[in-house]
């Protein structure tokens, strides 16, 4: 059997596994919703992906992990940041992409990408839940609807309301106050989506607006979030068929490239990892919500094989 390569993205609320073949084609992928950085969710994602590909652990030549819980992934030969892996995965799916907007359960990112799928500059909001999947969960709870209903509600909203608090802790109280004042759920949902889009637009401004734009992460499945962000950016946005697996796909491609450069591992070991931005904030400068460049975090760019 030919070699296969695995990428695992263990995020704050989901575990994603992608397996690619020697040609870099996806042969299996699995997304498992879970609790906070769950080992059980990780195990289910790994096992399901292997079953879907009709493979065993021994058939995986190389594994690379990314995400909040990447150091928990068994058998991973290397770890890389989400910035690196999302850029690499999106560039492979959509060649020519210049801007990646990733909105996950606990953070949001804007990543400017070069011709080779290397992140040139990025900005993160990882100090609070504003604009993340968690924030939309707060909205759904406040207006008493299922999270799956949010998009339809928001897209049918007409009145633009002021939503001043972007803190998940205080936003629920503000949203309840709007309901008590007689405002429609649809208008509240639409206004929150607009406010989130404005926050993401601020991140994009830090790295520089570029096109084409691809949106990834769980929030990309929310059609209203995509629509309002398109309006804020004044640009169309492409959403992958499976927007949650791009980081794991990028990790799998990096595993494939690492195996190809196995002698000495010189290029891969010193490259691709844009920074030490591994979890809550940048470990180099300790600041969230600002742009990072190659000068901030030097690296030797990895050119795809």
Protein backbone atom coordinates (compact mmCIF):
# COMPACT_ATOMS: atom_id res chain seq x y z
CA UNK A 1 0.00 0.00 0.00
CA UNK A 2 1.23 3.51 -0.82
CA UNK A 3 2.13 5.86 1.99
CA UNK A 4 -0.51 8.07 3.54
CA UNK A 5 -0.12 11.17 5.66
CA UNK A 6 -2.28 12.49 8.46
CA UNK A 7 -3.07 15.97 9.70
CA UNK A 8 -4.88 16.50 12.99
CA UNK A 9 -6.37 19.79 14.16
CA UNK A 10 -7.42 19.51 17.79
CA UNK A 11 -9.29 22.73 18.41
CA UNK A 12 -11.17 24.16 21.35
CA UNK A 13 -14.50 22.55 20.43
CA UNK A 14 -13.83 20.15 17.55
CA UNK A 15 -11.34 17.50 16.52
CA UNK A 16 -10.54 17.35 12.82
CA UNK A 17 -8.54 14.64 11.05
CA UNK A 18 -7.54 14.55 7.38
CA UNK A 19 -5.65 11.78 5.58
CA UNK A 20 -4.00 12.42 2.20
CA UNK A 21 -2.27 10.08 -0.23
CA UNK A 22 1.11 10.51 -1.92
CA UNK A 23 -0.44 12.87 -4.46
CA UNK A 24 -1.73 15.13 -1.67
CA UNK A 25 -5.35 14.18 -2.34
CA UNK A 26 -7.79 13.86 0.55
CA UNK A 27 -8.81 10.23 1.01
CA UNK A 28 -10.67 10.70 4.30
CA UNK A 29 -11.66 13.44 6.71
CA UNK A 30 -13.57 13.52 9.96
CA UNK A 31 -14.90 16.33 12.14
CA UNK A 32 -16.06 15.50 15.67
CA UNK A 33 -17.83 17.98 17.93
CA UNK A 34 -16.66 17.59 21.49
CA UNK A 35 -16.09 19.23 24.82
CA UNK A 36 -13.11 21.45 25.53
CA UNK A 37 -10.00 19.96 23.87
CA UNK A 38 -11.42 16.46 24.36
CA UNK A 39 -9.22 13.36 24.15
CA UNK A 40 -12.34 11.29 23.54
CA UNK A 41 -13.30 13.51 20.61
CA UNK A 42 -9.76 13.24 19.29
CA UNK A 43 -9.84 9.44 19.47
CA UNK A 44 -13.19 9.32 17.63
CA UNK A 45 -11.92 11.62 14.89
CA UNK A 46 -8.73 9.60 14.37
CA UNK A 47 -10.52 6.24 14.36
CA UNK A 48 -13.29 7.38 12.02
CA UNK A 49 -10.84 8.85 9.50
CA UNK A 50 -8.78 5.65 9.45
CA UNK A 51 -11.91 3.54 8.98
CA UNK A 52 -13.15 5.77 6.16
CA UNK A 53 -9.82 5.39 4.38
CA UNK A 54 -9.65 1.62 5.13
CA UNK A 55 -6.26 2.16 6.76
CA UNK A 56 -4.47 1.17 9.96
CA UNK A 57 -2.11 3.23 12.09
CA UNK A 58 0.82 1.47 10.41
CA UNK A 59 -0.27 2.82 7.01
CA UNK A 60 0.33 6.41 8.13
CA UNK A 61 3.88 7.42 7.22
CA UNK A 62 3.83 10.80 8.98
CA UNK A 63 1.46 12.76 11.22
CA UNK A 64 1.49 16.49 11.97
CA UNK A 65 -0.76 18.13 14.54
CA UNK A 66 -2.08 21.65 14.96
CA UNK A 67 -4.66 23.48 17.06
CA UNK A 68 -5.03 24.25 20.76
CA UNK A 69 -4.52 20.64 21.78
CA UNK A 70 -1.89 19.63 19.24
CA UNK A 71 0.52 18.37 21.89
CA UNK A 72 -2.09 15.80 22.92
CA UNK A 73 -2.13 14.10 19.52
CA UNK A 74 -0.47 10.66 19.74
CA UNK A 75 2.16 9.81 17.16
CA UNK A 76 2.55 13.33 15.82
CA UNK A 77 6.07 13.79 14.49
CA UNK A 78 5.82 17.57 14.51
CA UNK A 79 3.41 20.35 15.42
CA UNK A 80 2.67 23.60 13.61
CA UNK A 81 0.50 26.61 14.40
CA UNK A 82 -3.01 26.98 13.06
CA UNK A 83 -1.83 30.04 11.12
CA UNK A 84 0.62 27.93 9.12
CA UNK A 85 -1.76 25.02 8.56
CA UNK A 86 -4.81 27.04 7.54
CA UNK A 87 -2.73 29.04 5.07
CA UNK A 88 -1.24 25.86 3.60
CA UNK A 89 -4.56 24.02 3.40
CA UNK A 90 -6.50 26.89 1.85
CA UNK A 91 -3.76 27.59 -0.71
CA UNK A 92 -3.95 23.95 -1.83
CA UNK A 93 -7.75 24.00 -2.06
CA UNK A 94 -7.96 27.41 -3.73
CA UNK A 95 -4.71 28.39 -5.45
CA UNK A 96 -4.24 32.13 -5.60
CA UNK A 97 -5.99 32.85 -2.29
CA UNK A 98 -4.60 36.01 -0.72
CA UNK A 99 -6.62 36.34 2.49
CA UNK A 100 -7.87 33.66 4.87
CA UNK A 101 -10.43 34.53 7.55
CA UNK A 102 -10.72 31.74 10.09
CA UNK A 103 -13.39 31.94 12.79
CA UNK A 104 -13.43 29.05 15.22
CA UNK A 105 -14.96 28.29 18.58
CA UNK A 106 -12.63 30.46 20.66
CA UNK A 107 -10.67 32.75 18.35
CA UNK A 108 -10.68 34.48 14.98
CA UNK A 109 -7.81 35.13 12.60
CA UNK A 110 -7.03 37.10 9.46
CA UNK A 111 -4.11 35.65 7.50
CA UNK A 112 -2.51 37.21 4.44
CA UNK A 113 -1.12 34.50 2.17
CA UNK A 114 1.57 34.62 -0.53
CA UNK A 115 1.84 32.75 -3.85
CA UNK A 116 3.20 29.64 -2.12
CA UNK A 117 0.60 29.29 0.60
CA UNK A 118 2.88 30.83 3.20
CA UNK A 119 1.40 33.22 5.76
CA UNK A 120 2.98 36.64 5.25
CA UNK A 121 1.13 38.48 7.99
CA UNK A 122 -1.60 37.62 10.45
CA UNK A 123 -3.76 39.09 13.19
CA UNK A 124 -5.65 37.26 15.91
CA UNK A 125 -8.42 37.92 18.36
CA UNK A 126 -7.76 35.33 21.03
CA UNK A 127 -8.30 37.22 24.27
CA UNK A 128 -12.10 37.18 24.25
CA UNK A 129 -14.96 35.36 22.56
CA UNK A 130 -16.21 38.28 20.47
CA UNK A 131 -16.85 37.24 16.91
CA UNK A 132 -16.23 33.55 17.56
CA UNK A 133 -18.43 30.48 17.62
CA UNK A 134 -18.80 30.97 21.34
CA UNK A 135 -20.24 34.45 20.79
CA UNK A 136 -22.89 33.09 18.42
CA UNK A 137 -23.81 30.47 21.01
CA UNK A 138 -24.46 33.31 23.46
CA UNK A 139 -26.67 35.01 20.87
CA UNK A 140 -28.67 31.82 20.24
CA UNK A 141 -29.22 31.29 23.96
CA UNK A 142 -30.31 34.89 24.50
CA UNK A 143 -32.91 34.89 21.74
CA UNK A 144 -33.93 31.30 22.51
CA UNK A 145 -33.24 29.63 19.21
CA UNK A 146 -31.21 26.70 17.99
CA UNK A 147 -27.75 27.62 16.73
CA UNK A 148 -28.75 26.18 13.33
CA UNK A 149 -31.59 28.73 13.08
CA UNK A 150 -29.38 31.78 13.54
CA UNK A 151 -28.50 32.31 9.89
CA UNK A 152 -32.11 32.31 8.68
CA UNK A 153 -33.15 34.65 11.49
CA UNK A 154 -30.32 37.07 10.79
CA UNK A 155 -30.92 37.11 7.04
CA UNK A 156 -34.57 38.04 7.60
CA UNK A 157 -33.73 40.95 9.93
CA UNK A 158 -34.52 44.45 8.65
CA UNK A 159 -33.91 46.95 11.45
CA UNK A 160 -30.34 47.84 12.39
CA UNK A 161 -29.94 47.98 16.16
CA UNK A 162 -27.02 49.23 18.19
CA UNK A 163 -25.11 46.38 19.81
CA UNK A 164 -22.44 48.09 21.84
CA UNK A 165 -21.02 45.17 23.83
CA UNK A 166 -18.85 42.67 21.98
CA UNK A 167 -17.94 40.86 25.18
CA UNK A 168 -19.67 37.50 25.44
CA UNK A 169 -19.98 37.97 29.19
CA UNK A 170 -21.97 41.19 28.91
CA UNK A 171 -23.58 40.81 25.49
CA UNK A 172 -26.23 38.39 26.71
CA UNK A 173 -27.55 40.98 29.16
CA UNK A 174 -27.67 43.60 26.40
CA UNK A 175 -29.48 41.25 24.04
CA UNK A 176 -32.04 40.38 26.72
CA UNK A 177 -32.60 44.12 27.22
CA UNK A 178 -33.30 44.53 23.51
CA UNK A 179 -35.84 41.71 23.68
CA UNK A 180 -37.47 43.32 26.71
CA UNK A 181 -37.74 46.55 24.72
CA UNK A 182 -39.78 44.70 22.12
CA UNK A 183 -37.18 44.32 19.42
CA UNK A 184 -37.62 41.38 17.05
CA UNK A 185 -35.32 38.37 17.30
CA UNK A 186 -34.57 38.67 13.59
CA UNK A 187 -33.36 42.25 13.95
CA UNK A 188 -31.26 41.39 16.99
CA UNK A 189 -29.64 38.46 15.19
CA UNK A 190 -28.89 40.58 12.11
CA UNK A 191 -27.44 43.40 14.21
CA UNK A 192 -25.14 41.05 16.11
CA UNK A 193 -23.91 39.56 12.83
CA UNK A 194 -23.15 43.08 11.56
CA UNK A 195 -21.26 43.88 14.76
CA UNK A 196 -19.22 40.69 14.43
CA UNK A 197 -18.41 41.53 10.81
CA UNK A 198 -17.17 44.96 11.88
CA UNK A 199 -14.88 43.30 14.43
CA UNK A 200 -13.47 40.93 11.82
CA UNK A 201 -13.01 43.85 9.43
CA UNK A 202 -10.76 45.39 12.07
CA UNK A 203 -8.56 42.28 12.03
CA UNK A 204 -8.40 42.38 8.24
CA UNK A 205 -7.31 46.01 8.36
CA UNK A 206 -4.32 44.99 10.46
CA UNK A 207 -2.99 42.60 7.81
CA UNK A 208 -4.23 44.45 4.73
CA UNK A 209 -7.28 43.63 2.66
CA UNK A 210 -6.46 41.31 -0.23
CA UNK A 211 -8.52 39.21 -2.62
CA UNK A 212 -9.49 36.44 -3.29
CA UNK A 213 -10.81 35.76 0.21
CA UNK A 214 -11.54 32.33 1.72
CA UNK A 215 -13.39 31.86 5.02
CA UNK A 216 -12.75 28.80 7.17
CA UNK A 217 -13.72 27.49 10.60
CA UNK A 218 -17.04 26.45 12.05
CA UNK A 219 -18.59 29.92 11.73
CA UNK A 220 -18.09 29.71 7.95
CA UNK A 221 -21.04 27.28 7.94
CA UNK A 222 -23.23 30.21 9.04
CA UNK A 223 -24.45 31.72 5.77
CA UNK A 224 -25.47 34.96 7.49
CA UNK A 225 -21.99 35.42 8.96
CA UNK A 226 -20.55 35.00 5.47
CA UNK A 227 -23.07 37.37 3.88
CA UNK A 228 -22.58 40.19 6.39
CA UNK A 229 -18.81 39.81 6.22
CA UNK A 230 -18.95 40.05 2.42
CA UNK A 231 -20.86 43.31 2.81
CA UNK A 232 -18.33 44.65 5.31
CA UNK A 233 -15.39 43.69 3.10
CA UNK A 234 -17.16 44.72 -0.11
CA UNK A 235 -15.80 41.52 -1.59
CA UNK A 236 -17.04 38.02 -2.31
CA UNK A 237 -15.92 35.21 -0.02
CA UNK A 238 -15.31 31.59 -0.95
CA UNK A 239 -16.27 28.96 1.62
CA UNK A 240 -14.84 25.42 1.30
CA UNK A 241 -17.30 22.55 1.19
CA UNK A 242 -15.91 21.47 4.57
CA UNK A 243 -14.59 24.72 6.09
CA UNK A 244 -13.52 23.11 9.36
CA UNK A 245 -10.93 20.75 7.88
CA UNK A 246 -8.58 23.23 6.18
CA UNK A 247 -6.17 23.32 9.11
CA UNK A 248 -5.99 19.53 9.32
CA UNK A 249 -5.60 19.36 5.53
CA UNK A 250 -2.70 21.80 5.69
CA UNK A 251 -1.13 19.73 8.46
CA UNK A 252 -1.49 16.58 6.35
CA UNK A 253 0.21 18.29 3.40
CA UNK A 254 3.03 19.42 5.67
CA UNK A 255 3.37 15.82 6.90
CA UNK A 256 3.70 14.71 3.28
CA UNK A 257 6.31 17.38 2.59
CA UNK A 258 8.19 16.53 5.77
CA UNK A 259 8.39 12.88 4.70
CA UNK A 260 9.76 13.96 1.32
CA UNK A 261 12.43 16.02 3.05
CA UNK A 262 13.20 13.30 5.60
CA UNK A 263 16.96 13.46 5.10
CA UNK A 264 18.01 15.92 7.75
CA UNK A 265 14.57 17.58 7.79
CA UNK A 266 16.43 20.86 7.33
CA UNK A 267 13.84 22.76 5.30
CA UNK A 268 10.71 21.66 7.08
CA UNK A 269 12.07 21.87 10.60
CA UNK A 270 13.12 25.50 10.20
CA UNK A 271 10.24 26.55 7.99
CA UNK A 272 6.48 26.87 7.81
CA UNK A 273 5.86 27.62 11.47
CA UNK A 274 5.02 31.30 11.18
CA UNK A 275 5.38 32.02 14.87
CA UNK A 276 5.13 30.77 18.40
CA UNK A 277 1.50 31.87 18.49
CA UNK A 278 0.38 28.59 19.91
CA UNK A 279 -2.59 29.28 22.11
CA UNK A 280 -3.93 32.34 23.86
CA UNK A 281 -1.57 35.01 22.54
CA UNK A 282 1.71 35.58 20.80
CA UNK A 283 4.44 34.24 23.05
CA UNK A 284 6.96 36.58 21.45
CA UNK A 285 5.20 39.87 22.06
CA UNK A 286 2.25 38.85 24.25
CA UNK A 287 -0.21 41.07 22.39
CA UNK A 288 -3.49 40.02 20.83
CA UNK A 289 -5.43 41.84 18.10
CA UNK A 290 -2.44 43.20 16.25
CA UNK A 291 -0.65 42.20 13.10
CA UNK A 292 2.40 39.94 13.06
CA UNK A 293 4.85 39.79 10.16
CA UNK A 294 7.81 37.68 9.17
CA UNK A 295 10.03 40.32 10.78
CA UNK A 296 8.29 39.70 14.10
CA UNK A 297 8.75 35.93 13.79
CA UNK A 298 11.58 35.10 11.36
CA UNK A 299 11.41 31.89 9.37
CA UNK A 300 12.73 30.30 6.20
CA UNK A 301 9.76 29.96 3.82
CA UNK A 302 8.84 26.45 2.79
CA UNK A 303 8.09 26.10 -0.90
CA UNK A 304 5.59 23.34 -1.71
CA UNK A 305 7.07 20.19 -3.24
